[in-house]
Amino acid sequence: MKIATTKQRILQFIDYQGISKQFFFGETGLKRGLLDADKLDSSISDIYLAKILATYPRLSPEWLLTGGGEMILSDPVAKLRASIPLIPINALAGWGEGDTQIMPHETQQYSVPEFNELKVDFMISVKGDSMYPRYTTGDMVACRKLPMDTFFQWNKVYVLDTVQGAMIKRVNKSEQEGCITCISENELYEPFDLSLPDIHALAIVVGFVRVE
């Protein structure tokens, strides 16, 4: 059996994080093309490794270099103290910016240890049935904020702050230039195109909590 290379383990970590390679390159500052298929068997410099470990401190150096041990370093203390703010979806536009900024101490805080590795910035409660059966009213979706120049991961679910208000939709490529197609899970709702300039902020959904 072929032993995985360091670059192949980096791809495994990217997949585990639920992020795109483009987003990974943006966070670490590494050059694009480093993880191209024809370069996976080549070595990676210590400088690049240091940048990756500095960006993702919970990533195990031993696992990254040798494949031994667990991918993610355990941190019981962090699991106990980590908390995630729950914000109203109608207040998403004011989250973290502008004159109507919502501060973490003004929100309910939740500790969800399973989300610690996912870089969750906030949670919001789902309302309505447009995303049923994937999400139902009352589900709390965990979101990671993304820069506006991010590369969309097609067919993933995003929270979008738009001129039409905040919405949770699965996003796909549009046939119209400068747009994305927003898709509901409920077949009663038709897909629609949304112009990129009409999006003020966005976050990718990385998990959810359901209370029966």
N, C-alpha and C. Protein backbone atom coordinates (compact mmCIF):
# COMPACT_ATOMS: atom_id res chain seq x y z
N MET A 1 0.85 -1.20 0.00
CA MET A 1 0.00 0.00 0.00
C MET A 1 0.88 1.25 0.00
N LYS A 2 0.55 2.19 -0.87
CA LYS A 2 1.34 3.41 -0.98
C LYS A 2 1.13 4.30 0.24
N ILE A 3 2.23 4.81 0.79
CA ILE A 3 2.17 5.67 1.96
C ILE A 3 1.85 7.10 1.52
N ALA A 4 0.91 7.73 2.21
CA ALA A 4 0.51 9.09 1.86
C ALA A 4 1.65 10.06 2.09
N THR A 5 1.78 11.04 1.21
CA THR A 5 2.80 12.07 1.36
C THR A 5 2.27 13.20 2.22
N THR A 6 3.16 14.11 2.61
CA THR A 6 2.74 15.25 3.41
C THR A 6 1.69 16.08 2.68
N LYS A 7 1.87 16.27 1.39
CA LYS A 7 0.91 17.06 0.62
C LYS A 7 -0.45 16.36 0.55
N GLN A 8 -0.44 15.06 0.46
CA GLN A 8 -1.70 14.32 0.46
C GLN A 8 -2.40 14.44 1.81
N ARG A 9 -1.61 14.48 2.89
CA ARG A 9 -2.22 14.67 4.21
C ARG A 9 -2.78 16.09 4.35
N ILE A 10 -2.13 17.05 3.70
CA ILE A 10 -2.67 18.42 3.72
C ILE A 10 -4.05 18.43 3.06
N LEU A 11 -4.17 17.71 1.94
CA LEU A 11 -5.47 17.62 1.27
C LEU A 11 -6.51 16.95 2.17
N GLN A 12 -6.08 15.93 2.92
CA GLN A 12 -6.99 15.27 3.86
C GLN A 12 -7.47 16.26 4.92
N PHE A 13 -6.54 17.08 5.41
CA PHE A 13 -6.89 18.08 6.42
C PHE A 13 -7.85 19.12 5.85
N ILE A 14 -7.61 19.57 4.62
CA ILE A 14 -8.49 20.53 3.97
C ILE A 14 -9.90 19.96 3.86
N ASP A 15 -9.98 18.70 3.46
CA ASP A 15 -11.29 18.04 3.35
C ASP A 15 -11.95 17.92 4.72
N TYR A 16 -11.17 17.61 5.75
CA TYR A 16 -11.70 17.50 7.11
C TYR A 16 -12.25 18.84 7.59
N GLN A 17 -11.56 19.93 7.23
CA GLN A 17 -12.00 21.26 7.64
C GLN A 17 -13.24 21.72 6.89
N GLY A 18 -13.53 21.07 5.76
CA GLY A 18 -14.68 21.47 4.97
C GLY A 18 -14.47 22.77 4.22
N ILE A 19 -13.21 23.04 3.84
CA ILE A 19 -12.90 24.27 3.13
C ILE A 19 -12.36 23.93 1.75
N SER A 20 -12.28 24.92 0.88
CA SER A 20 -11.72 24.71 -0.45
C SER A 20 -10.21 24.93 -0.43
N LYS A 21 -9.53 24.44 -1.46
CA LYS A 21 -8.09 24.68 -1.55
C LYS A 21 -7.82 26.17 -1.70
N GLN A 22 -8.68 26.87 -2.44
CA GLN A 22 -8.48 28.31 -2.61
C GLN A 22 -8.55 29.04 -1.27
N PHE A 23 -9.52 28.63 -0.43
CA PHE A 23 -9.63 29.26 0.89
C PHE A 23 -8.41 28.94 1.74
N PHE A 24 -7.92 27.71 1.66
CA PHE A 24 -6.72 27.30 2.40
C PHE A 24 -5.53 28.14 1.97
N PHE A 25 -5.35 28.34 0.68
CA PHE A 25 -4.23 29.15 0.19
C PHE A 25 -4.36 30.59 0.68
N GLY A 26 -5.60 31.10 0.70
CA GLY A 26 -5.80 32.46 1.17
C GLY A 26 -5.46 32.63 2.64
N GLU A 27 -5.81 31.63 3.46
CA GLU A 27 -5.54 31.71 4.89
C GLU A 27 -4.05 31.57 5.20
N THR A 28 -3.37 30.67 4.50
CA THR A 28 -1.97 30.38 4.81
C THR A 28 -0.99 31.26 4.05
N GLY A 29 -1.45 31.85 2.95
CA GLY A 29 -0.55 32.65 2.12
C GLY A 29 0.33 31.81 1.21
N LEU A 30 0.05 30.51 1.09
CA LEU A 30 0.85 29.65 0.22
C LEU A 30 0.44 29.84 -1.23
N LYS A 31 1.35 29.53 -2.12
CA LYS A 31 1.09 29.75 -3.55
C LYS A 31 0.14 28.70 -4.09
N ARG A 32 -0.73 29.13 -4.99
CA ARG A 32 -1.65 28.21 -5.64
C ARG A 32 -0.86 27.27 -6.55
N GLY A 33 -1.30 26.06 -6.68
CA GLY A 33 -0.59 25.07 -7.48
C GLY A 33 0.27 24.15 -6.66
N LEU A 34 0.48 24.51 -5.38
CA LEU A 34 1.32 23.70 -4.51
C LEU A 34 0.77 22.29 -4.36
N LEU A 35 -0.56 22.17 -4.42
CA LEU A 35 -1.21 20.88 -4.19
C LEU A 35 -1.80 20.29 -5.48
N ASP A 36 -1.27 20.71 -6.62
CA ASP A 36 -1.71 20.13 -7.88
C ASP A 36 -1.38 18.63 -7.90
N ALA A 37 -2.19 17.88 -8.63
CA ALA A 37 -2.07 16.42 -8.63
C ALA A 37 -0.67 15.94 -9.02
N ASP A 38 -0.02 16.65 -9.95
CA ASP A 38 1.30 16.21 -10.41
C ASP A 38 2.43 16.60 -9.47
N LYS A 39 2.09 17.26 -8.35
CA LYS A 39 3.12 17.70 -7.40
C LYS A 39 2.97 17.07 -6.03
N LEU A 40 2.01 16.16 -5.89
CA LEU A 40 1.72 15.60 -4.57
C LEU A 40 2.83 14.72 -4.03
N ASP A 41 3.67 14.17 -4.89
CA ASP A 41 4.76 13.31 -4.43
C ASP A 41 6.03 14.09 -4.11
N SER A 42 6.05 15.39 -4.42
CA SER A 42 7.24 16.20 -4.14
C SER A 42 7.23 16.69 -2.70
N SER A 43 8.39 17.07 -2.21
CA SER A 43 8.52 17.52 -0.82
C SER A 43 7.97 18.94 -0.67
N ILE A 44 7.77 19.33 0.57
CA ILE A 44 7.29 20.68 0.87
C ILE A 44 8.26 21.33 1.85
N SER A 45 8.56 22.60 1.65
CA SER A 45 9.59 23.26 2.44
C SER A 45 9.16 23.47 3.89
N ASP A 46 10.15 23.61 4.77
CA ASP A 46 9.87 23.86 6.18
C ASP A 46 9.13 25.17 6.39
N ILE A 47 9.41 26.16 5.54
CA ILE A 47 8.75 27.46 5.66
C ILE A 47 7.25 27.30 5.43
N TYR A 48 6.88 26.53 4.41
CA TYR A 48 5.46 26.31 4.13
C TYR A 48 4.80 25.54 5.27
N LEU A 49 5.50 24.54 5.79
CA LEU A 49 4.95 23.77 6.90
C LEU A 49 4.71 24.66 8.12
N ALA A 50 5.65 25.56 8.37
CA ALA A 50 5.53 26.47 9.51
C ALA A 50 4.31 27.38 9.34
N LYS A 51 4.07 27.84 8.11
CA LYS A 51 2.91 28.70 7.86
C LYS A 51 1.60 27.94 8.10
N ILE A 52 1.57 26.69 7.67
CA ILE A 52 0.36 25.89 7.86
C ILE A 52 0.08 25.68 9.35
N LEU A 53 1.12 25.30 10.10
CA LEU A 53 0.95 25.02 11.53
C LEU A 53 0.63 26.29 12.32
N ALA A 54 1.15 27.42 11.85
CA ALA A 54 0.84 28.69 12.53
C ALA A 54 -0.60 29.09 12.29
N THR A 55 -1.13 28.77 11.11
CA THR A 55 -2.51 29.10 10.77
C THR A 55 -3.49 28.16 11.46
N TYR A 56 -3.10 26.90 11.58
CA TYR A 56 -3.96 25.88 12.19
C TYR A 56 -3.23 25.24 13.39
N PRO A 57 -3.22 25.92 14.53
CA PRO A 57 -2.45 25.44 15.69
C PRO A 57 -2.92 24.11 16.25
N ARG A 58 -4.16 23.70 15.95
CA ARG A 58 -4.64 22.42 16.46
C ARG A 58 -4.24 21.25 15.55
N LEU A 59 -3.67 21.54 14.39
CA LEU A 59 -3.19 20.50 13.49
C LEU A 59 -1.92 19.88 14.07
N SER A 60 -1.88 18.57 14.18
CA SER A 60 -0.75 17.88 14.79
C SER A 60 0.46 17.87 13.85
N PRO A 61 1.60 18.42 14.29
CA PRO A 61 2.82 18.36 13.46
C PRO A 61 3.25 16.92 13.18
N GLU A 62 3.10 16.04 14.17
CA GLU A 62 3.49 14.65 13.99
C GLU A 62 2.67 14.00 12.88
N TRP A 63 1.35 14.23 12.92
CA TRP A 63 0.50 13.65 11.90
C TRP A 63 0.81 14.22 10.53
N LEU A 64 1.02 15.53 10.48
CA LEU A 64 1.29 16.19 9.20
C LEU A 64 2.57 15.66 8.55
N LEU A 65 3.60 15.43 9.36
CA LEU A 65 4.89 15.02 8.81
C LEU A 65 5.00 13.52 8.60
N THR A 66 4.40 12.73 9.48
CA THR A 66 4.60 11.27 9.44
C THR A 66 3.32 10.47 9.24
N GLY A 67 2.18 11.08 9.52
CA GLY A 67 0.93 10.33 9.47
C GLY A 67 0.62 9.61 10.77
N GLY A 68 1.50 9.74 11.76
CA GLY A 68 1.30 9.08 13.04
C GLY A 68 0.42 9.89 13.97
N GLY A 69 -0.31 9.21 14.85
CA GLY A 69 -1.15 9.88 15.83
C GLY A 69 -2.41 10.44 15.21
N GLU A 70 -3.07 11.33 15.96
CA GLU A 70 -4.31 11.94 15.51
C GLU A 70 -4.05 13.20 14.70
N MET A 71 -4.93 13.49 13.77
CA MET A 71 -4.78 14.68 12.95
C MET A 71 -4.88 15.96 13.79
N ILE A 72 -5.84 15.97 14.72
CA ILE A 72 -6.12 17.17 15.52
C ILE A 72 -5.66 16.97 16.94
N LEU A 73 -4.92 17.94 17.47
CA LEU A 73 -4.44 17.87 18.85
C LEU A 73 -5.62 18.06 19.80
N SER A 74 -5.67 17.29 20.84
CA SER A 74 -6.73 17.42 21.83
C SER A 74 -6.46 18.61 22.74
N ASP A 75 -7.51 19.27 23.15
CA ASP A 75 -7.41 20.42 24.04
C ASP A 75 -8.65 20.45 24.93
N PRO A 76 -8.67 19.62 26.00
CA PRO A 76 -9.85 19.55 26.86
C PRO A 76 -10.25 20.89 27.45
N VAL A 77 -9.27 21.74 27.77
CA VAL A 77 -9.58 23.04 28.36
C VAL A 77 -10.34 23.90 27.37
N ALA A 78 -9.88 23.88 26.11
CA ALA A 78 -10.54 24.68 25.10
C ALA A 78 -11.97 24.21 24.89
N LYS A 79 -12.19 22.90 24.96
CA LYS A 79 -13.53 22.37 24.77
C LYS A 79 -14.48 22.86 25.86
N LEU A 80 -13.95 23.04 27.06
CA LEU A 80 -14.79 23.47 28.17
C LEU A 80 -15.15 24.95 28.06
N ARG A 81 -14.20 25.76 27.56
CA ARG A 81 -14.44 27.20 27.57
C ARG A 81 -15.00 27.75 26.27
N ALA A 82 -14.93 26.97 25.18
CA ALA A 82 -15.37 27.48 23.89
C ALA A 82 -16.87 27.75 23.90
N SER A 83 -17.27 28.90 23.39
CA SER A 83 -18.69 29.23 23.30
C SER A 83 -18.94 29.89 21.96
N ILE A 84 -20.15 29.70 21.45
CA ILE A 84 -20.52 30.20 20.13
C ILE A 84 -21.75 31.07 20.29
N PRO A 85 -21.74 32.29 19.76
CA PRO A 85 -22.91 33.16 19.88
C PRO A 85 -24.03 32.71 18.95
N LEU A 86 -25.27 32.77 19.44
CA LEU A 86 -26.45 32.52 18.63
C LEU A 86 -27.09 33.86 18.33
N ILE A 87 -27.16 34.22 17.06
CA ILE A 87 -27.71 35.52 16.69
C ILE A 87 -29.00 35.34 15.90
N PRO A 88 -29.91 36.30 16.00
CA PRO A 88 -31.14 36.22 15.20
C PRO A 88 -30.81 36.40 13.72
N ILE A 89 -31.42 35.61 12.86
CA ILE A 89 -31.10 35.71 11.44
C ILE A 89 -31.44 37.08 10.88
N ASN A 90 -32.46 37.77 11.47
CA ASN A 90 -32.81 39.09 10.96
C ASN A 90 -31.81 40.15 11.42
N ALA A 91 -30.85 39.77 12.26
CA ALA A 91 -29.82 40.71 12.70
C ALA A 91 -28.48 40.41 12.06
N LEU A 92 -28.47 39.51 11.10
CA LEU A 92 -27.21 39.09 10.49
C LEU A 92 -26.46 40.26 9.88
N ALA A 93 -27.17 41.22 9.31
CA ALA A 93 -26.53 42.35 8.64
C ALA A 93 -25.68 43.17 9.60
N GLY A 94 -26.02 43.16 10.89
CA GLY A 94 -25.26 43.95 11.85
C GLY A 94 -24.19 43.18 12.58
N TRP A 95 -24.02 41.91 12.20
CA TRP A 95 -23.07 41.08 12.94
C TRP A 95 -21.64 41.47 12.61
N GLY A 96 -20.94 42.10 13.60
CA GLY A 96 -19.52 42.34 13.47
C GLY A 96 -19.11 43.55 12.67
N GLU A 97 -20.04 44.39 12.22
CA GLU A 97 -19.63 45.54 11.43
C GLU A 97 -20.70 46.63 11.50
N GLY A 98 -20.28 47.86 11.17
CA GLY A 98 -21.23 48.96 11.05
C GLY A 98 -21.70 49.52 12.39
N ASP A 99 -22.60 50.50 12.29
CA ASP A 99 -23.09 51.18 13.49
C ASP A 99 -24.02 50.30 14.31
N THR A 100 -24.60 49.26 13.69
CA THR A 100 -25.53 48.40 14.42
C THR A 100 -24.85 47.10 14.84
N GLN A 101 -23.56 47.17 15.04
CA GLN A 101 -22.80 45.95 15.37
C GLN A 101 -23.37 45.25 16.60
N ILE A 102 -23.54 43.94 16.47
CA ILE A 102 -24.01 43.11 17.58
C ILE A 102 -22.79 42.52 18.27
N MET A 103 -22.68 42.72 19.56
CA MET A 103 -21.54 42.22 20.29
C MET A 103 -21.84 40.84 20.88
N PRO A 104 -20.81 39.99 21.03
CA PRO A 104 -21.04 38.65 21.56
C PRO A 104 -21.75 38.63 22.91
N HIS A 105 -21.47 39.63 23.77
CA HIS A 105 -22.10 39.61 25.09
C HIS A 105 -23.59 39.92 25.02
N GLU A 106 -24.07 40.37 23.84
CA GLU A 106 -25.49 40.66 23.68
C GLU A 106 -26.27 39.46 23.14
N THR A 107 -25.59 38.36 22.96
CA THR A 107 -26.23 37.19 22.38
C THR A 107 -26.19 36.03 23.36
N GLN A 108 -27.03 35.01 23.08
CA GLN A 108 -26.92 33.77 23.83
C GLN A 108 -25.66 33.04 23.39
N GLN A 109 -24.99 32.41 24.34
CA GLN A 109 -23.74 31.71 24.06
C GLN A 109 -23.94 30.22 24.29
N TYR A 110 -23.43 29.41 23.36
CA TYR A 110 -23.56 27.96 23.45
C TYR A 110 -22.18 27.32 23.36
N SER A 111 -22.00 26.27 24.12
CA SER A 111 -20.77 25.48 24.04
C SER A 111 -21.09 24.16 23.35
N VAL A 112 -20.48 23.97 22.17
CA VAL A 112 -20.69 22.75 21.38
C VAL A 112 -19.30 22.20 21.05
N PRO A 113 -18.76 21.32 21.90
CA PRO A 113 -17.39 20.83 21.69
C PRO A 113 -17.15 20.26 20.30
N GLU A 114 -18.18 19.65 19.71
CA GLU A 114 -18.00 19.04 18.38
C GLU A 114 -17.70 20.09 17.30
N PHE A 115 -18.01 21.36 17.57
CA PHE A 115 -17.79 22.41 16.59
C PHE A 115 -16.42 23.07 16.74
N ASN A 116 -15.66 22.69 17.78
CA ASN A 116 -14.41 23.39 18.06
C ASN A 116 -13.43 23.36 16.91
N GLU A 117 -13.40 22.26 16.16
CA GLU A 117 -12.43 22.13 15.09
C GLU A 117 -12.90 22.79 13.79
N LEU A 118 -14.12 23.30 13.77
CA LEU A 118 -14.70 23.78 12.52
C LEU A 118 -14.62 25.29 12.34
N LYS A 119 -13.98 25.98 13.27
CA LYS A 119 -13.86 27.44 13.20
C LYS A 119 -15.22 28.11 13.04
N VAL A 120 -16.14 27.77 13.94
CA VAL A 120 -17.49 28.34 13.90
C VAL A 120 -17.47 29.74 14.49
N ASP A 121 -18.01 30.71 13.75
CA ASP A 121 -18.06 32.10 14.22
C ASP A 121 -19.39 32.42 14.90
N PHE A 122 -20.48 31.81 14.45
CA PHE A 122 -21.77 32.07 15.06
C PHE A 122 -22.74 30.98 14.65
N MET A 123 -23.88 30.94 15.34
CA MET A 123 -24.98 30.07 14.96
C MET A 123 -26.22 30.93 14.76
N ILE A 124 -27.12 30.47 13.90
CA ILE A 124 -28.40 31.13 13.73
C ILE A 124 -29.49 30.06 13.71
N SER A 125 -30.69 30.46 14.09
CA SER A 125 -31.83 29.54 14.09
C SER A 125 -32.53 29.58 12.74
N VAL A 126 -32.88 28.41 12.23
CA VAL A 126 -33.59 28.31 10.96
C VAL A 126 -35.06 28.65 11.18
N LYS A 127 -35.63 29.41 10.26
CA LYS A 127 -37.06 29.72 10.29
C LYS A 127 -37.64 29.44 8.91
N GLY A 128 -38.87 28.91 8.88
CA GLY A 128 -39.51 28.61 7.61
C GLY A 128 -39.19 27.20 7.13
N ASP A 129 -39.77 26.86 5.98
CA ASP A 129 -39.65 25.49 5.48
C ASP A 129 -38.94 25.39 4.13
N SER A 130 -38.27 26.47 3.70
CA SER A 130 -37.65 26.44 2.38
C SER A 130 -36.48 25.46 2.30
N MET A 131 -35.85 25.15 3.44
CA MET A 131 -34.72 24.22 3.43
C MET A 131 -35.09 22.85 3.99
N TYR A 132 -36.40 22.61 4.16
CA TYR A 132 -36.87 21.29 4.61
C TYR A 132 -36.72 20.28 3.48
N PRO A 133 -36.28 19.05 3.71
CA PRO A 133 -36.10 18.39 5.03
C PRO A 133 -34.69 18.49 5.60
N ARG A 134 -33.79 19.17 4.87
CA ARG A 134 -32.41 19.24 5.37
C ARG A 134 -32.36 19.97 6.71
N TYR A 135 -33.03 21.12 6.77
CA TYR A 135 -33.12 21.87 8.02
C TYR A 135 -34.58 22.19 8.27
N THR A 136 -34.97 22.18 9.53
CA THR A 136 -36.34 22.52 9.90
C THR A 136 -36.33 23.71 10.86
N THR A 137 -37.48 24.32 11.02
CA THR A 137 -37.60 25.46 11.93
C THR A 137 -37.11 25.09 13.33
N GLY A 138 -36.22 25.91 13.89
CA GLY A 138 -35.67 25.64 15.22
C GLY A 138 -34.28 25.06 15.19
N ASP A 139 -33.87 24.47 14.05
CA ASP A 139 -32.49 23.98 13.94
C ASP A 139 -31.53 25.16 14.07
N MET A 140 -30.42 24.94 14.72
CA MET A 140 -29.39 25.96 14.84
C MET A 140 -28.22 25.56 13.96
N VAL A 141 -27.97 26.35 12.90
CA VAL A 141 -26.89 26.03 11.99
C VAL A 141 -25.62 26.78 12.41
N ALA A 142 -24.49 26.07 12.35
CA ALA A 142 -23.20 26.65 12.72
C ALA A 142 -22.54 27.21 11.47
N CYS A 143 -22.06 28.44 11.56
CA CYS A 143 -21.57 29.15 10.38
C CYS A 143 -20.14 29.67 10.57
N ARG A 144 -19.38 29.61 9.49
CA ARG A 144 -18.04 30.20 9.47
C ARG A 144 -18.04 31.36 8.49
N LYS A 145 -17.71 32.57 8.96
CA LYS A 145 -17.68 33.74 8.11
C LYS A 145 -16.59 33.62 7.06
N LEU A 146 -16.88 34.11 5.86
CA LEU A 146 -15.93 34.04 4.76
C LEU A 146 -15.73 35.43 4.16
N PRO A 147 -14.55 35.68 3.58
CA PRO A 147 -14.35 36.97 2.91
C PRO A 147 -15.20 37.05 1.65
N MET A 148 -15.52 38.27 1.23
CA MET A 148 -16.40 38.44 0.08
C MET A 148 -15.76 37.97 -1.22
N ASP A 149 -14.44 37.91 -1.28
CA ASP A 149 -13.78 37.46 -2.51
C ASP A 149 -13.51 35.96 -2.49
N THR A 150 -14.20 35.25 -1.62
CA THR A 150 -13.98 33.81 -1.52
C THR A 150 -14.46 33.09 -2.76
N PHE A 151 -13.93 31.90 -2.99
CA PHE A 151 -14.42 31.03 -4.05
C PHE A 151 -15.56 30.18 -3.49
N PHE A 152 -16.72 30.26 -4.10
CA PHE A 152 -17.84 29.46 -3.63
C PHE A 152 -17.57 27.97 -3.86
N GLN A 153 -17.92 27.16 -2.88
CA GLN A 153 -17.90 25.72 -3.04
C GLN A 153 -19.29 25.30 -3.51
N TRP A 154 -19.39 24.99 -4.77
CA TRP A 154 -20.71 24.70 -5.35
C TRP A 154 -21.39 23.55 -4.64
N ASN A 155 -22.69 23.70 -4.50
CA ASN A 155 -23.58 22.72 -3.88
C ASN A 155 -23.46 22.68 -2.36
N LYS A 156 -22.76 23.64 -1.78
CA LYS A 156 -22.68 23.77 -0.33
C LYS A 156 -23.74 24.77 0.14
N VAL A 157 -24.10 24.69 1.42
CA VAL A 157 -25.11 25.59 1.98
C VAL A 157 -24.42 26.80 2.61
N TYR A 158 -24.94 27.98 2.30
CA TYR A 158 -24.39 29.24 2.80
C TYR A 158 -25.48 30.06 3.48
N VAL A 159 -25.06 30.91 4.39
CA VAL A 159 -25.91 31.97 4.92
C VAL A 159 -25.50 33.24 4.20
N LEU A 160 -26.44 33.88 3.56
CA LEU A 160 -26.16 35.06 2.74
C LEU A 160 -26.89 36.27 3.30
N ASP A 161 -26.15 37.34 3.53
CA ASP A 161 -26.77 38.61 3.91
C ASP A 161 -26.91 39.42 2.63
N THR A 162 -28.13 39.62 2.17
CA THR A 162 -28.37 40.23 0.86
C THR A 162 -29.28 41.44 0.97
N VAL A 163 -29.47 42.10 -0.17
CA VAL A 163 -30.39 43.24 -0.22
C VAL A 163 -31.82 42.80 0.04
N GLN A 164 -32.09 41.50 -0.12
CA GLN A 164 -33.43 40.96 0.15
C GLN A 164 -33.55 40.44 1.58
N GLY A 165 -32.51 40.60 2.37
CA GLY A 165 -32.50 40.08 3.73
C GLY A 165 -31.60 38.87 3.84
N ALA A 166 -31.50 38.32 5.03
CA ALA A 166 -30.65 37.16 5.26
C ALA A 166 -31.38 35.89 4.83
N MET A 167 -30.64 34.96 4.26
CA MET A 167 -31.24 33.71 3.80
C MET A 167 -30.24 32.57 3.90
N ILE A 168 -30.77 31.36 4.02
CA ILE A 168 -29.96 30.15 4.02
C ILE A 168 -30.30 29.38 2.75
N LYS A 169 -29.30 29.18 1.88
CA LYS A 169 -29.55 28.53 0.61
C LYS A 169 -28.35 27.67 0.20
N ARG A 170 -28.66 26.62 -0.57
CA ARG A 170 -27.60 25.87 -1.23
C ARG A 170 -27.22 26.66 -2.48
N VAL A 171 -25.92 26.79 -2.72
CA VAL A 171 -25.43 27.67 -3.78
C VAL A 171 -24.83 26.84 -4.91
N ASN A 172 -25.18 27.23 -6.13
CA ASN A 172 -24.61 26.57 -7.28
C ASN A 172 -24.21 27.60 -8.33
N LYS A 173 -23.48 27.16 -9.33
CA LYS A 173 -23.03 28.06 -10.39
C LYS A 173 -24.20 28.49 -11.25
N SER A 174 -24.22 29.78 -11.60
CA SER A 174 -25.29 30.32 -12.43
C SER A 174 -24.84 30.42 -13.88
N GLU A 175 -25.81 30.32 -14.78
CA GLU A 175 -25.51 30.53 -16.20
C GLU A 175 -25.36 32.01 -16.51
N GLN A 176 -25.81 32.86 -15.58
CA GLN A 176 -25.66 34.30 -15.76
C GLN A 176 -24.35 34.78 -15.14
N GLU A 177 -23.62 35.55 -15.89
CA GLU A 177 -22.33 36.06 -15.39
C GLU A 177 -22.56 37.01 -14.22
N GLY A 178 -21.71 36.88 -13.20
CA GLY A 178 -21.82 37.76 -12.04
C GLY A 178 -22.93 37.39 -11.09
N CYS A 179 -23.45 36.15 -11.21
CA CYS A 179 -24.54 35.70 -10.34
C CYS A 179 -24.24 34.32 -9.78
N ILE A 180 -24.97 33.95 -8.73
CA ILE A 180 -24.99 32.59 -8.23
C ILE A 180 -26.44 32.13 -8.24
N THR A 181 -26.64 30.83 -8.29
CA THR A 181 -27.99 30.28 -8.21
C THR A 181 -28.25 29.79 -6.79
N CYS A 182 -29.33 30.27 -6.19
CA CYS A 182 -29.70 29.90 -4.83
C CYS A 182 -30.79 28.84 -4.89
N ILE A 183 -30.57 27.73 -4.20
CA ILE A 183 -31.46 26.59 -4.29
C ILE A 183 -32.01 26.24 -2.92
N SER A 184 -33.31 26.04 -2.84
CA SER A 184 -33.95 25.57 -1.62
C SER A 184 -34.03 24.05 -1.65
N GLU A 185 -34.01 23.42 -0.49
CA GLU A 185 -34.16 21.96 -0.43
C GLU A 185 -35.61 21.56 -0.65
N ASN A 186 -36.53 22.44 -0.28
CA ASN A 186 -37.95 22.19 -0.48
C ASN A 186 -38.29 22.44 -1.95
N GLU A 187 -38.79 21.41 -2.63
CA GLU A 187 -39.05 21.50 -4.06
C GLU A 187 -40.17 22.48 -4.40
N LEU A 188 -40.91 22.92 -3.41
CA LEU A 188 -41.97 23.89 -3.66
C LEU A 188 -41.41 25.28 -3.95
N TYR A 189 -40.14 25.49 -3.64
CA TYR A 189 -39.49 26.78 -3.86
C TYR A 189 -38.58 26.69 -5.09
N GLU A 190 -38.80 27.58 -6.04
CA GLU A 190 -38.01 27.57 -7.26
C GLU A 190 -36.62 28.16 -7.02
N PRO A 191 -35.58 27.61 -7.68
CA PRO A 191 -34.26 28.23 -7.61
C PRO A 191 -34.30 29.64 -8.22
N PHE A 192 -33.40 30.50 -7.79
CA PHE A 192 -33.34 31.84 -8.37
C PHE A 192 -31.90 32.31 -8.39
N ASP A 193 -31.62 33.23 -9.31
CA ASP A 193 -30.28 33.79 -9.42
C ASP A 193 -30.14 35.03 -8.56
N LEU A 194 -28.98 35.18 -7.96
CA LEU A 194 -28.69 36.32 -7.10
C LEU A 194 -27.41 36.98 -7.59
N SER A 195 -27.47 38.27 -7.80
CA SER A 195 -26.30 39.02 -8.26
C SER A 195 -25.27 39.15 -7.14
N LEU A 196 -24.02 38.91 -7.45
CA LEU A 196 -22.97 38.98 -6.42
C LEU A 196 -22.89 40.35 -5.75
N PRO A 197 -23.06 41.47 -6.48
CA PRO A 197 -23.03 42.78 -5.79
C PRO A 197 -24.15 42.96 -4.78
N ASP A 198 -25.20 42.12 -4.86
CA ASP A 198 -26.31 42.21 -3.90
C ASP A 198 -26.05 41.45 -2.61
N ILE A 199 -24.87 40.83 -2.50
CA ILE A 199 -24.51 40.09 -1.29
C ILE A 199 -23.59 40.96 -0.44
N HIS A 200 -24.01 41.25 0.79
CA HIS A 200 -23.22 42.09 1.69
C HIS A 200 -22.21 41.28 2.50
N ALA A 201 -22.58 40.06 2.87
CA ALA A 201 -21.72 39.21 3.69
C ALA A 201 -22.16 37.77 3.50
N LEU A 202 -21.26 36.84 3.77
CA LEU A 202 -21.62 35.44 3.61
C LEU A 202 -20.86 34.57 4.59
N ALA A 203 -21.45 33.42 4.86
CA ALA A 203 -20.82 32.42 5.75
C ALA A 203 -21.23 31.05 5.25
N ILE A 204 -20.35 30.08 5.40
CA ILE A 204 -20.67 28.73 5.00
C ILE A 204 -21.19 27.94 6.20
N VAL A 205 -22.19 27.13 5.98
CA VAL A 205 -22.76 26.31 7.06
C VAL A 205 -21.91 25.05 7.21
N VAL A 206 -21.39 24.81 8.42
CA VAL A 206 -20.48 23.68 8.65
C VAL A 206 -21.07 22.62 9.57
N GLY A 207 -22.28 22.87 10.09
CA GLY A 207 -22.91 21.89 10.97
C GLY A 207 -24.22 22.45 11.50
N PHE A 208 -24.94 21.63 12.25
CA PHE A 208 -26.18 22.13 12.83
C PHE A 208 -26.56 21.30 14.05
N VAL A 209 -27.39 21.90 14.88
CA VAL A 209 -27.90 21.24 16.09
C VAL A 209 -29.43 21.18 15.97
N ARG A 210 -29.97 20.01 16.21
CA ARG A 210 -31.43 19.86 16.14
C ARG A 210 -31.95 19.40 17.50
N VAL A 211 -32.97 20.10 17.98
CA VAL A 211 -33.61 19.73 19.25
C VAL A 211 -34.99 19.17 18.93
N GLU A 212 -35.21 17.93 19.29
CA GLU A 212 -36.50 17.29 19.00
C GLU A 212 -37.59 17.83 19.93
